[in-house]
C-alpha atoms as a PDB file:
ATOM      1  CA  MET A   1     182.667-154.886 163.978  1.00  0.00           C
ATOM      2  CA  ARG A   2     184.276-158.039 162.638  1.00  0.00           C
ATOM      3  CA  LYS A   3     185.436-156.213 159.519  1.00  0.00           C
ATOM      4  CA  LEU A   4     187.084-153.502 161.604  1.00  0.00           C
ATOM      5  CA  LEU A   5     188.780-156.057 163.833  1.00  0.00           C
ATOM      6  CA  GLY A   6     189.906-157.994 160.778  1.00  0.00           C
ATOM      7  CA  PHE A   7     191.293-154.831 159.220  1.00  0.00           C
ATOM      8  CA  ILE A   8     193.212-153.896 162.356  1.00  0.00           C
ATOM      9  CA  VAL A   9     194.671-157.391 162.771  1.00  0.00           C
ATOM     10  CA  GLY A  10     195.604-157.508 159.090  1.00  0.00           C
ATOM     11  CA  ALA A  11     197.229-154.103 159.242  1.00  0.00           C
ATOM     12  CA  ILE A  12     199.297-155.043 162.285  1.00  0.00           C
ATOM     13  CA  VAL A  13     200.370-158.390 160.837  1.00  0.00           C
ATOM     14  CA  GLY A  14     201.201-156.772 157.501  1.00  0.00           C
ATOM     15  CA  GLY A  15     203.289-154.130 159.226  1.00  0.00           C
ATOM     16  CA  LEU A  16     205.206-156.723 161.204  1.00  0.00           C
ATOM     17  CA  VAL A  17     205.855-158.864 158.134  1.00  0.00           C
ATOM     18  CA  GLY A  18     207.001-155.819 156.174  1.00  0.00           C
ATOM     19  CA  ALA A  19     209.326-154.712 158.945  1.00  0.00           C
ATOM     20  CA  THR A  20     210.818-158.183 159.237  1.00  0.00           C
ATOM     21  CA  LEU A  21     211.430-158.411 155.503  1.00  0.00           C
ATOM     22  CA  ALA A  22     213.009-154.972 155.527  1.00  0.00           C
ATOM     23  CA  LEU A  23     215.434-156.103 158.217  1.00  0.00           C
ATOM     24  CA  LEU A  24     216.354-159.252 156.327  1.00  0.00           C
ATOM     25  CA  TYR A  25     216.882-157.718 152.897  1.00  0.00           C
ATOM     26  CA  ALA A  26     218.113-154.234 153.691  1.00  0.00           C
ATOM     27  CA  PRO A  27     221.503-153.236 152.253  1.00  0.00           C
ATOM     28  CA  GLU A  28     221.729-150.121 154.449  1.00  0.00           C
ATOM     29  CA  SER A  29     223.710-149.709 157.636  1.00  0.00           C
ATOM     30  CA  GLY A  30     222.056-150.362 160.966  1.00  0.00           C
ATOM     31  CA  ALA A  31     221.509-146.685 161.772  1.00  0.00           C
ATOM     32  CA  GLU A  32     220.003-145.957 158.358  1.00  0.00           C
ATOM     33  CA  LEU A  33     217.808-149.028 158.572  1.00  0.00           C
ATOM     34  CA  ARG A  34     216.528-148.102 162.026  1.00  0.00           C
ATOM     35  CA  ALA A  35     215.704-144.596 160.817  1.00  0.00           C
ATOM     36  CA  GLN A  36     213.776-145.980 157.848  1.00  0.00           C
ATOM     37  CA  ILE A  37     211.908-148.470 160.029  1.00  0.00           C
ATOM     38  CA  ARG A  38     211.047-145.738 162.521  1.00  0.00           C
ATOM     39  CA  GLU A  39     209.731-143.511 159.726  1.00  0.00           C
ATOM     40  CA  ARG A  40     207.694-146.323 158.192  1.00  0.00           C
ATOM     41  CA  ALA A  41     206.306-147.307 161.587  1.00  0.00           C
ATOM     42  CA  GLU A  42     205.235-143.729 162.256  1.00  0.00           C
ATOM     43  CA  THR A  43     203.583-143.519 158.835  1.00  0.00           C
ATOM     44  CA  PHE A  44     201.877-146.860 159.405  1.00  0.00           C
ATOM     45  CA  ALA A  45     200.613-145.791 162.830  1.00  0.00           C
ATOM     46  CA  THR A  46     199.250-142.564 161.368  1.00  0.00           C
ATOM     47  CA  GLU A  47     197.435-144.457 158.609  1.00  0.00           C
ATOM     48  CA  VAL A  48     195.926-146.895 161.113  1.00  0.00           C
ATOM     49  CA  ARG A  49     194.752-144.015 163.317  1.00  0.00           C
ATOM     50  CA  GLN A  50     193.171-142.284 160.321  1.00  0.00           C
ATOM     51  CA  ALA A  51     191.426-145.483 159.212  1.00  0.00           C
ATOM     52  CA  ALA A  52     190.152-146.129 162.738  1.00  0.00           C
ATOM     53  CA  THR A  53     188.866-142.563 163.032  1.00  0.00           C
ATOM     54  CA  ALA A  54     187.086-142.798 159.686  1.00  0.00           C
ATOM     55  CA  LYS A  55     185.501-146.106 160.676  1.00  0.00           C
ATOM     56  CA  ARG A  56     184.445-144.713 164.064  1.00  0.00           C
ATOM     57  CA  ILE A  57     182.758-141.742 162.382  1.00  0.00           C
ATOM     58  CA  GLU A  58     181.033-144.060 159.918  1.00  0.00           C
ATOM     59  CA  LEU A  59     179.773-146.294 162.724  1.00  0.00           C
ATOM     60  CA  GLN A  60     178.594-143.315 164.784  1.00  0.00           C
ATOM     61  CA  ASP A  61     176.652-141.973 161.799  1.00  0.00           C
ATOM     62  CA  ARG A  62     175.084-145.374 161.232  1.00  0.00           C
ATOM     63  CA  LEU A  63     174.137-145.676 164.894  1.00  0.00           C
ATOM     64  CA  GLU A  64     172.546-142.217 164.865  1.00  0.00           C
ATOM     65  CA  SER A  65     170.531-143.117 161.769  1.00  0.00           C
ATOM     66  CA  LEU A  66     169.320-146.302 163.435  1.00  0.00           C
ATOM     67  CA  ARG A  67     168.335-144.457 166.606  1.00  0.00           C
ATOM     68  CA  ALA A  68     166.520-141.668 164.755  1.00  0.00           C
ATOM     69  CA  PRO A  69     162.715-141.846 164.934  1.00  0.00           C
ATOM     70  CA  LYS A  70     161.130-143.129 161.781  1.00  0.00           C
ATOM     71  CA  ALA A  71     158.638-140.941 159.935  1.00  0.00           C
ATOM     72  CA  GLY A  72     155.290-142.398 159.183  1.00  0.00           C
END
């Protein structure tokens, strides 16, 4: 659970740092920059959702294997 929480926090912090740097160093106009940030944020959110879903499935499988009766 700590690894998942660490991943989520790291992903959020990384996204915020990246967005801030993009704002500071972007040569585009405001409208173009906002469109790029919006697109990147949507991509980032999708990737985080996919990673969270994969981790949830992995944890559910592990839980089921731990709950399964042991042969022998």
